[in-house]
């Protein structure tokens, strides 16, 4: 879903280590972890939904998951939770 909301605006609203935009206009938020401390990927998904709703931004969670890898220099290559979501155009 193409929209005019910027990655910077989303970063100001949600708590994530990284936010990027896909070619089709969806957002992907990632949060790295070393120990889960009883949390799972659903925690990030709920946090993103709560924060976007609080900011008045209509959104749809498309998919979410967990990437388990050894520590590396980039977030995409290390253990993290991720959530892909779309947002509606802000007025």
Protein backbone atom coordinates (compact mmCIF):
# COMPACT_ATOMS: atom_id res chain seq x y z
CA UNK A 1 0.00 0.00 0.00
CA UNK A 2 1.69 3.18 -1.12
CA UNK A 3 1.49 6.06 1.30
CA UNK A 4 3.11 9.35 2.15
CA UNK A 5 4.10 8.56 5.74
CA UNK A 6 7.87 8.62 6.07
CA UNK A 7 10.16 6.18 7.83
CA UNK A 8 11.26 9.07 10.06
CA UNK A 9 7.65 9.68 11.17
CA UNK A 10 7.19 5.99 12.02
CA UNK A 11 10.51 5.98 13.94
CA UNK A 12 9.21 8.90 16.02
CA UNK A 13 6.11 6.93 16.97
CA UNK A 14 7.20 3.34 17.62
CA UNK A 15 9.98 1.76 19.66
CA UNK A 16 12.20 -0.30 17.36
CA UNK A 17 15.89 -0.55 16.58
CA UNK A 18 15.32 -0.12 12.87
CA UNK A 19 12.48 0.81 10.54
CA UNK A 20 12.61 0.44 6.77
CA UNK A 21 10.16 0.64 3.91
CA UNK A 22 9.56 -2.14 1.40
CA UNK A 23 9.21 -1.61 -2.34
CA UNK A 24 5.43 -1.95 -2.06
CA UNK A 25 5.21 0.76 0.63
CA UNK A 26 4.91 -1.41 3.74
CA UNK A 27 7.11 -0.84 6.77
CA UNK A 28 9.33 -3.37 8.52
CA UNK A 29 10.32 -2.70 12.12
CA UNK A 30 13.06 -4.73 13.80
CA UNK A 31 14.09 -5.04 17.44
CA UNK A 32 17.22 -6.97 18.36
CA UNK A 33 17.55 -9.05 21.50
CA UNK A 34 20.16 -11.17 23.22
CA UNK A 35 17.94 -12.63 25.93
CA UNK A 36 14.18 -12.81 25.49
CA UNK A 37 13.35 -12.19 29.16
CA UNK A 38 10.02 -13.97 28.69
CA UNK A 39 9.05 -11.86 25.68
CA UNK A 40 8.31 -13.02 22.19
CA UNK A 41 7.71 -11.49 18.78
CA UNK A 42 4.10 -10.79 19.71
CA UNK A 43 5.34 -8.23 22.21
CA UNK A 44 6.81 -6.08 19.43
CA UNK A 45 3.68 -6.52 17.31
CA UNK A 46 1.42 -5.38 20.17
CA UNK A 47 3.72 -2.45 20.99
CA UNK A 48 3.70 -1.22 17.39
CA UNK A 49 -0.09 -1.54 17.11
CA UNK A 50 -0.60 0.29 20.39
CA UNK A 51 1.76 3.15 19.49
CA UNK A 52 0.38 3.64 15.98
CA UNK A 53 -3.21 3.59 17.27
CA UNK A 54 -2.29 6.08 20.00
CA UNK A 55 -0.90 8.38 17.28
CA UNK A 56 -4.16 8.02 15.32
CA UNK A 57 -2.57 6.10 12.45
CA UNK A 58 -4.69 3.33 10.96
CA UNK A 59 -2.55 0.31 10.21
CA UNK A 60 -2.62 -3.38 9.36
CA UNK A 61 -0.11 -5.93 10.64
CA UNK A 62 0.79 -8.05 7.62
CA UNK A 63 3.15 -10.55 9.19
CA UNK A 64 5.71 -10.87 11.94
CA UNK A 65 8.40 -13.24 13.02
CA UNK A 66 11.71 -13.91 14.63
CA UNK A 67 15.12 -14.15 13.00
CA UNK A 68 17.68 -16.18 14.95
CA UNK A 69 21.29 -15.78 13.92
CA UNK A 70 24.69 -15.27 15.46
CA UNK A 71 25.72 -11.77 16.40
CA UNK A 72 26.86 -9.74 13.42
CA UNK A 73 27.48 -6.14 12.51
CA UNK A 74 24.04 -5.47 11.04
CA UNK A 75 20.64 -5.79 12.67
CA UNK A 76 19.21 -7.78 9.77
CA UNK A 77 21.94 -10.38 10.28
CA UNK A 78 21.52 -10.82 14.04
CA UNK A 79 18.79 -12.24 16.27
CA UNK A 80 15.73 -9.99 16.21
CA UNK A 81 11.95 -9.79 16.07
CA UNK A 82 10.40 -8.15 13.03
CA UNK A 83 6.96 -6.87 12.10
CA UNK A 84 5.77 -5.89 8.63
CA UNK A 85 2.82 -3.51 8.56
CA UNK A 86 1.04 -1.07 6.30
CA UNK A 87 -0.40 2.30 7.26
CA UNK A 88 -3.09 4.45 5.71
CA UNK A 89 -2.28 7.85 4.26
CA UNK A 90 -2.32 10.58 6.88
CA UNK A 91 -4.67 13.46 6.14
